[in-house]
Amino acid sequence: PFSSSVDTGVLYTSFLLNLSYVPATTTSGFFLHLGQYSNPATPVYTALSTSFRARTYAVPGDQPGKYKLGLTFSSSTAPTTGLSQNLGTGVTYLVVMKYTFNSGPLNDVVSAYVFEPGANIASEPLSPTLGPFTADATETSSLQCVVLRQFNAAQRISVDGILVNRTWNIAPVSCPVPVSVS
């Protein structure tokens, strides 16, 4: 759960992603999304509404042992276009989802950035890796949580280091060089 509901501006959700196996079917469902509770005013953390936004998918890539990420605003069907490049299993990537609230109906936007190990993440790139995708269903009044789910028992997806911010603030931490190692 978020410390408070978000219903305006921009919301960034970053996480580390590592897949050890991707099912050989494009029907694999989404593994992460942003959500709202059934009663937004008095959240019960085990009761989600059906407002699943920024649905994030892992689908088979074009080569053996590779996969692609997909993103939809709210569709429960795995996307077949607008996917990332092939990504390697066993490699940890940084994914940053961006949800933008816009006033008016059917114009909120989701997009995502995918970074390889060692990439420069100091500032938001001009173009996202995925999207931007505009609302394809009724928008949610607010976002209140990040939700992980396993659609398919064959999925082997590790998600770690989830960070939710209102600004692009994911710069890496500098660590001193180790000394006196034995």
C-alpha atoms as a PDB file:
ATOM      1  CA  PRO A   1       0.000   0.000   0.000  1.00  0.00           C
ATOM      2  CA  PHE A   2       1.019   3.618  -0.595  1.00  0.00           C
ATOM      3  CA  SER A   3       1.202   5.943   2.407  1.00  0.00           C
ATOM      4  CA  SER A   4      -1.598   7.948   0.768  1.00  0.00           C
ATOM      5  CA  SER A   5      -3.748   7.771  -2.359  1.00  0.00           C
ATOM      6  CA  VAL A   6      -2.433   9.386  -5.540  1.00  0.00           C
ATOM      7  CA  ASP A   7      -4.965  11.039  -7.844  1.00  0.00           C
ATOM      8  CA  THR A   8      -3.082  13.851  -9.598  1.00  0.00           C
ATOM      9  CA  GLY A   9       0.218  14.477 -11.340  1.00  0.00           C
ATOM     10  CA  VAL A  10       2.730  11.754 -12.059  1.00  0.00           C
ATOM     11  CA  LEU A  11       3.511   8.529 -10.207  1.00  0.00           C
ATOM     12  CA  TYR A  12       6.738   6.590 -10.826  1.00  0.00           C
ATOM     13  CA  THR A  13       6.979   2.965  -9.728  1.00  0.00           C
ATOM     14  CA  SER A  14      10.403   1.398 -10.129  1.00  0.00           C
ATOM     15  CA  PHE A  15      11.446  -2.187  -9.466  1.00  0.00           C
ATOM     16  CA  LEU A  16      14.190  -4.681 -10.206  1.00  0.00           C
ATOM     17  CA  LEU A  17      13.123  -7.511 -12.496  1.00  0.00           C
ATOM     18  CA  ASN A  18      14.758 -10.865 -13.185  1.00  0.00           C
ATOM     19  CA  LEU A  19      13.144 -13.746 -15.075  1.00  0.00           C
ATOM     20  CA  SER A  20      14.637 -17.210 -14.924  1.00  0.00           C
ATOM     21  CA  TYR A  21      12.057 -18.744 -17.266  1.00  0.00           C
ATOM     22  CA  VAL A  22       9.314 -17.521 -19.599  1.00  0.00           C
ATOM     23  CA  PRO A  23       6.419 -19.826 -20.543  1.00  0.00           C
ATOM     24  CA  ALA A  24       6.360 -20.542 -24.283  1.00  0.00           C
ATOM     25  CA  THR A  25       2.924 -19.000 -24.757  1.00  0.00           C
ATOM     26  CA  THR A  26       1.756 -15.456 -25.316  1.00  0.00           C
ATOM     27  CA  THR A  27      -1.251 -16.025 -23.062  1.00  0.00           C
ATOM     28  CA  SER A  28       0.871 -15.477 -19.969  1.00  0.00           C
ATOM     29  CA  GLY A  29      -0.837 -12.850 -17.862  1.00  0.00           C
ATOM     30  CA  PHE A  30       0.453  -9.701 -16.263  1.00  0.00           C
ATOM     31  CA  PHE A  31       2.650 -10.016 -13.183  1.00  0.00           C
ATOM     32  CA  LEU A  32       2.500  -6.494 -11.743  1.00  0.00           C
ATOM     33  CA  HIS A  33       0.047  -3.617 -11.787  1.00  0.00           C
ATOM     34  CA  LEU A  34      -1.041  -0.543  -9.871  1.00  0.00           C
ATOM     35  CA  GLY A  35      -4.319  -0.779  -8.002  1.00  0.00           C
ATOM     36  CA  GLN A  36      -7.040   0.777  -5.951  1.00  0.00           C
ATOM     37  CA  TYR A  37      -8.866  -0.798  -3.021  1.00  0.00           C
ATOM     38  CA  SER A  38     -12.559  -1.723  -3.229  1.00  0.00           C
ATOM     39  CA  ASN A  39     -13.351   1.042  -0.754  1.00  0.00           C
ATOM     40  CA  PRO A  40     -10.777   3.785  -1.497  1.00  0.00           C
ATOM     41  CA  ALA A  41     -11.883   5.897   1.494  1.00  0.00           C
ATOM     42  CA  THR A  42     -11.365   3.068   4.001  1.00  0.00           C
ATOM     43  CA  PRO A  43      -8.872   0.645   2.424  1.00  0.00           C
ATOM     44  CA  VAL A  44      -8.964  -3.008   3.299  1.00  0.00           C
ATOM     45  CA  TYR A  45      -5.646  -4.305   1.987  1.00  0.00           C
ATOM     46  CA  THR A  46      -7.042  -7.682   0.979  1.00  0.00           C
ATOM     47  CA  ALA A  47      -9.918  -6.210  -1.055  1.00  0.00           C
ATOM     48  CA  LEU A  48      -8.873  -4.741  -4.417  1.00  0.00           C
ATOM     49  CA  SER A  49     -11.183  -3.099  -6.907  1.00  0.00           C
ATOM     50  CA  THR A  50     -10.932  -4.241 -10.528  1.00  0.00           C
ATOM     51  CA  SER A  51      -9.087  -1.032 -11.448  1.00  0.00           C
ATOM     52  CA  PHE A  52      -5.876  -2.803 -12.468  1.00  0.00           C
ATOM     53  CA  ARG A  53      -3.787  -0.117 -14.176  1.00  0.00           C
ATOM     54  CA  ALA A  54      -0.356  -0.230 -15.837  1.00  0.00           C
ATOM     55  CA  ARG A  55      -0.550  -3.992 -16.317  1.00  0.00           C
ATOM     56  CA  THR A  56       2.967  -5.282 -16.936  1.00  0.00           C
ATOM     57  CA  TYR A  57       3.503  -8.484 -18.937  1.00  0.00           C
ATOM     58  CA  ALA A  58       6.438 -10.780 -19.763  1.00  0.00           C
ATOM     59  CA  VAL A  59       5.965 -12.551 -23.098  1.00  0.00           C
ATOM     60  CA  PRO A  60       8.249 -14.866 -25.100  1.00  0.00           C
ATOM     61  CA  GLY A  61      10.937 -13.108 -27.124  1.00  0.00           C
ATOM     62  CA  ASP A  62      12.071 -13.714 -30.684  1.00  0.00           C
ATOM     63  CA  GLN A  63      14.913 -16.005 -29.609  1.00  0.00           C
ATOM     64  CA  PRO A  64      15.170 -18.975 -27.228  1.00  0.00           C
ATOM     65  CA  GLY A  65      15.787 -17.889 -23.631  1.00  0.00           C
ATOM     66  CA  LYS A  66      14.650 -14.327 -24.367  1.00  0.00           C
ATOM     67  CA  TYR A  67      11.529 -12.447 -23.369  1.00  0.00           C
ATOM     68  CA  LYS A  68       9.948  -9.064 -23.961  1.00  0.00           C
ATOM     69  CA  LEU A  69       8.072  -6.767 -21.626  1.00  0.00           C
ATOM     70  CA  GLY A  70       4.668  -5.449 -22.516  1.00  0.00           C
ATOM     71  CA  LEU A  71       2.497  -2.791 -20.909  1.00  0.00           C
ATOM     72  CA  THR A  72      -1.174  -1.947 -21.218  1.00  0.00           C
ATOM     73  CA  PHE A  73      -3.264   0.704 -19.542  1.00  0.00           C
ATOM     74  CA  SER A  74      -5.793  -1.866 -18.324  1.00  0.00           C
ATOM     75  CA  SER A  75      -6.207  -4.599 -20.925  1.00  0.00           C
ATOM     76  CA  SER A  76      -6.182  -8.163 -19.611  1.00  0.00           C
ATOM     77  CA  THR A  77      -4.867  -9.406 -22.961  1.00  0.00           C
ATOM     78  CA  ALA A  78      -1.093  -9.675 -23.379  1.00  0.00           C
ATOM     79  CA  PRO A  79       0.058  -7.080 -25.915  1.00  0.00           C
ATOM     80  CA  THR A  80       1.586  -8.204 -29.206  1.00  0.00           C
ATOM     81  CA  THR A  81       2.839  -4.788 -30.314  1.00  0.00           C
ATOM     82  CA  GLY A  82       4.674  -1.971 -28.558  1.00  0.00           C
ATOM     83  CA  LEU A  83       6.890  -4.462 -26.715  1.00  0.00           C
ATOM     84  CA  SER A  84      10.424  -3.999 -25.436  1.00  0.00           C
ATOM     85  CA  GLN A  85      13.446  -5.422 -27.229  1.00  0.00           C
ATOM     86  CA  ASN A  86      14.465  -8.984 -26.371  1.00  0.00           C
ATOM     87  CA  LEU A  87      15.646  -9.234 -22.759  1.00  0.00           C
ATOM     88  CA  GLY A  88      17.792 -12.003 -21.329  1.00  0.00           C
ATOM     89  CA  THR A  89      16.673 -14.458 -18.694  1.00  0.00           C
ATOM     90  CA  GLY A  90      18.904 -14.388 -15.629  1.00  0.00           C
ATOM     91  CA  VAL A  91      19.669 -10.677 -16.083  1.00  0.00           C
ATOM     92  CA  THR A  92      18.376  -8.095 -13.596  1.00  0.00           C
ATOM     93  CA  TYR A  93      16.787  -5.026 -15.224  1.00  0.00           C
ATOM     94  CA  LEU A  94      15.470  -1.833 -13.664  1.00  0.00           C
ATOM     95  CA  VAL A  95      11.927  -1.071 -14.809  1.00  0.00           C
ATOM     96  CA  VAL A  96      10.308   2.307 -14.128  1.00  0.00           C
ATOM     97  CA  MET A  97       6.573   2.629 -14.792  1.00  0.00           C
ATOM     98  CA  LYS A  98       5.106   6.094 -15.156  1.00  0.00           C
ATOM     99  CA  TYR A  99       1.415   6.827 -14.596  1.00  0.00           C
ATOM    100  CA  THR A 100       0.258  10.326 -15.544  1.00  0.00           C
ATOM    101  CA  PHE A 101      -3.108  11.611 -14.342  1.00  0.00           C
ATOM    102  CA  ASN A 102      -4.656  14.047 -16.837  1.00  0.00           C
ATOM    103  CA  SER A 103      -7.892  15.937 -16.218  1.00  0.00           C
ATOM    104  CA  GLY A 104     -10.848  14.791 -18.274  1.00  0.00           C
ATOM    105  CA  PRO A 105     -12.071  11.335 -19.280  1.00  0.00           C
ATOM    106  CA  LEU A 106     -10.004   8.634 -20.997  1.00  0.00           C
ATOM    107  CA  ASN A 107      -6.717  10.509 -21.173  1.00  0.00           C
ATOM    108  CA  ASP A 108      -4.550   9.217 -18.332  1.00  0.00           C
ATOM    109  CA  VAL A 109      -1.311   7.735 -19.686  1.00  0.00           C
ATOM    110  CA  VAL A 110       1.032   4.878 -18.746  1.00  0.00           C
ATOM    111  CA  SER A 111       4.538   4.241 -20.006  1.00  0.00           C
ATOM    112  CA  ALA A 112       7.622   2.347 -18.858  1.00  0.00           C
ATOM    113  CA  TYR A 113      11.386   2.537 -19.112  1.00  0.00           C
ATOM    114  CA  VAL A 114      13.602  -0.567 -19.088  1.00  0.00           C
ATOM    115  CA  PHE A 115      17.259  -0.191 -18.111  1.00  0.00           C
ATOM    116  CA  GLU A 116      20.043  -2.733 -18.529  1.00  0.00           C
ATOM    117  CA  PRO A 117      22.629  -3.172 -15.773  1.00  0.00           C
ATOM    118  CA  GLY A 118      24.986  -0.181 -15.643  1.00  0.00           C
ATOM    119  CA  ALA A 119      22.670   2.141 -17.597  1.00  0.00           C
ATOM    120  CA  ASN A 120      22.535   5.849 -16.765  1.00  0.00           C
ATOM    121  CA  ILE A 121      19.377   6.380 -14.690  1.00  0.00           C
ATOM    122  CA  ALA A 122      20.180   9.864 -13.369  1.00  0.00           C
ATOM    123  CA  SER A 123      17.357  11.496 -15.344  1.00  0.00           C
ATOM    124  CA  GLU A 124      14.195  10.449 -17.149  1.00  0.00           C
ATOM    125  CA  PRO A 125      14.865   9.610 -20.820  1.00  0.00           C
ATOM    126  CA  LEU A 126      13.016  11.645 -23.446  1.00  0.00           C
ATOM    127  CA  SER A 127      11.237   8.565 -24.840  1.00  0.00           C
ATOM    128  CA  PRO A 128       9.928   5.584 -22.879  1.00  0.00           C
ATOM    129  CA  THR A 129      10.745   1.992 -23.808  1.00  0.00           C
ATOM    130  CA  LEU A 130       7.027   1.108 -23.686  1.00  0.00           C
ATOM    131  CA  GLY A 131       4.238   3.517 -24.532  1.00  0.00           C
ATOM    132  CA  PRO A 132       2.944   6.007 -23.887  1.00  0.00           C
ATOM    133  CA  PHE A 133      -0.431   4.265 -23.827  1.00  0.00           C
ATOM    134  CA  THR A 134      -3.602   6.280 -23.224  1.00  0.00           C
ATOM    135  CA  ALA A 135      -6.536   5.017 -21.172  1.00  0.00           C
ATOM    136  CA  ASP A 136      -8.402   2.196 -22.914  1.00  0.00           C
ATOM    137  CA  ALA A 137     -10.990   1.875 -20.144  1.00  0.00           C
ATOM    138  CA  THR A 138     -12.558   3.991 -17.461  1.00  0.00           C
ATOM    139  CA  GLU A 139      -9.839   5.637 -15.405  1.00  0.00           C
ATOM    140  CA  THR A 140      -9.467   4.930 -11.744  1.00  0.00           C
ATOM    141  CA  SER A 141     -10.129   7.790  -9.310  1.00  0.00           C
ATOM    142  CA  SER A 142      -6.848   7.097  -7.494  1.00  0.00           C
ATOM    143  CA  LEU A 143      -3.987   4.665  -7.153  1.00  0.00           C
ATOM    144  CA  GLN A 144      -3.262   3.161  -3.753  1.00  0.00           C
ATOM    145  CA  CYS A 145      -0.937   0.171  -4.144  1.00  0.00           C
ATOM    146  CA  VAL A 146       1.453  -1.938  -6.184  1.00  0.00           C
ATOM    147  CA  VAL A 147       0.164  -5.461  -6.763  1.00  0.00           C
ATOM    148  CA  LEU A 148       2.202  -8.549  -7.646  1.00  0.00           C
ATOM    149  CA  ARG A 149       0.470 -11.600  -9.065  1.00  0.00           C
ATOM    150  CA  GLN A 150       1.342 -14.921 -10.608  1.00  0.00           C
ATOM    151  CA  PHE A 151      -0.929 -15.532 -13.565  1.00  0.00           C
ATOM    152  CA  ASN A 152       0.721 -18.763 -14.613  1.00  0.00           C
ATOM    153  CA  ALA A 153       2.424 -21.348 -12.378  1.00  0.00           C
ATOM    154  CA  ALA A 154       5.179 -21.692 -15.018  1.00  0.00           C
ATOM    155  CA  GLN A 155       6.241 -18.044 -14.650  1.00  0.00           C
ATOM    156  CA  ARG A 156       9.568 -17.577 -12.866  1.00  0.00           C
ATOM    157  CA  ILE A 157       9.618 -13.847 -12.201  1.00  0.00           C
ATOM    158  CA  SER A 158      11.527 -12.138  -9.393  1.00  0.00           C
ATOM    159  CA  VAL A 159      10.595  -8.574  -8.464  1.00  0.00           C
ATOM    160  CA  ASP A 160      12.535  -6.671  -5.814  1.00  0.00           C
ATOM    161  CA  GLY A 161      13.342  -3.145  -4.657  1.00  0.00           C
ATOM    162  CA  ILE A 162       9.932  -1.611  -5.386  1.00  0.00           C
ATOM    163  CA  LEU A 163      10.092   2.165  -5.032  1.00  0.00           C
ATOM    164  CA  VAL A 164       7.160   4.560  -5.512  1.00  0.00           C
ATOM    165  CA  ASN A 165       7.844   8.275  -6.048  1.00  0.00           C
ATOM    166  CA  ARG A 166       6.118  11.380  -7.334  1.00  0.00           C
ATOM    167  CA  THR A 167       9.333  12.483  -9.086  1.00  0.00           C
ATOM    168  CA  TRP A 168      12.127  10.764 -11.019  1.00  0.00           C
ATOM    169  CA  ASN A 169      14.360  10.083  -8.050  1.00  0.00           C
ATOM    170  CA  ILE A 170      16.059   6.758  -8.615  1.00  0.00           C
ATOM    171  CA  ALA A 171      19.726   7.745  -8.914  1.00  0.00           C
ATOM    172  CA  PRO A 172      22.087   4.984  -7.849  1.00  0.00           C
ATOM    173  CA  VAL A 173      23.721   5.084  -4.449  1.00  0.00           C
ATOM    174  CA  SER A 174      27.492   5.596  -4.467  1.00  0.00           C
ATOM    175  CA  CYS A 175      29.395   3.077  -2.393  1.00  0.00           C
ATOM    176  CA  PRO A 176      32.990   3.520  -1.278  1.00  0.00           C
ATOM    177  CA  VAL A 177      35.628   1.128  -2.573  1.00  0.00           C
ATOM    178  CA  PRO A 178      36.065  -1.766  -0.139  1.00  0.00           C
ATOM    179  CA  VAL A 179      39.269  -1.683   1.926  1.00  0.00           C
ATOM    180  CA  SER A 180      40.947  -4.254   4.169  1.00  0.00           C
ATOM    181  CA  VAL A 181      39.256  -7.156   2.422  1.00  0.00           C
ATOM    182  CA  SER A 182      40.460 -10.555   3.577  1.00  0.00           C
END
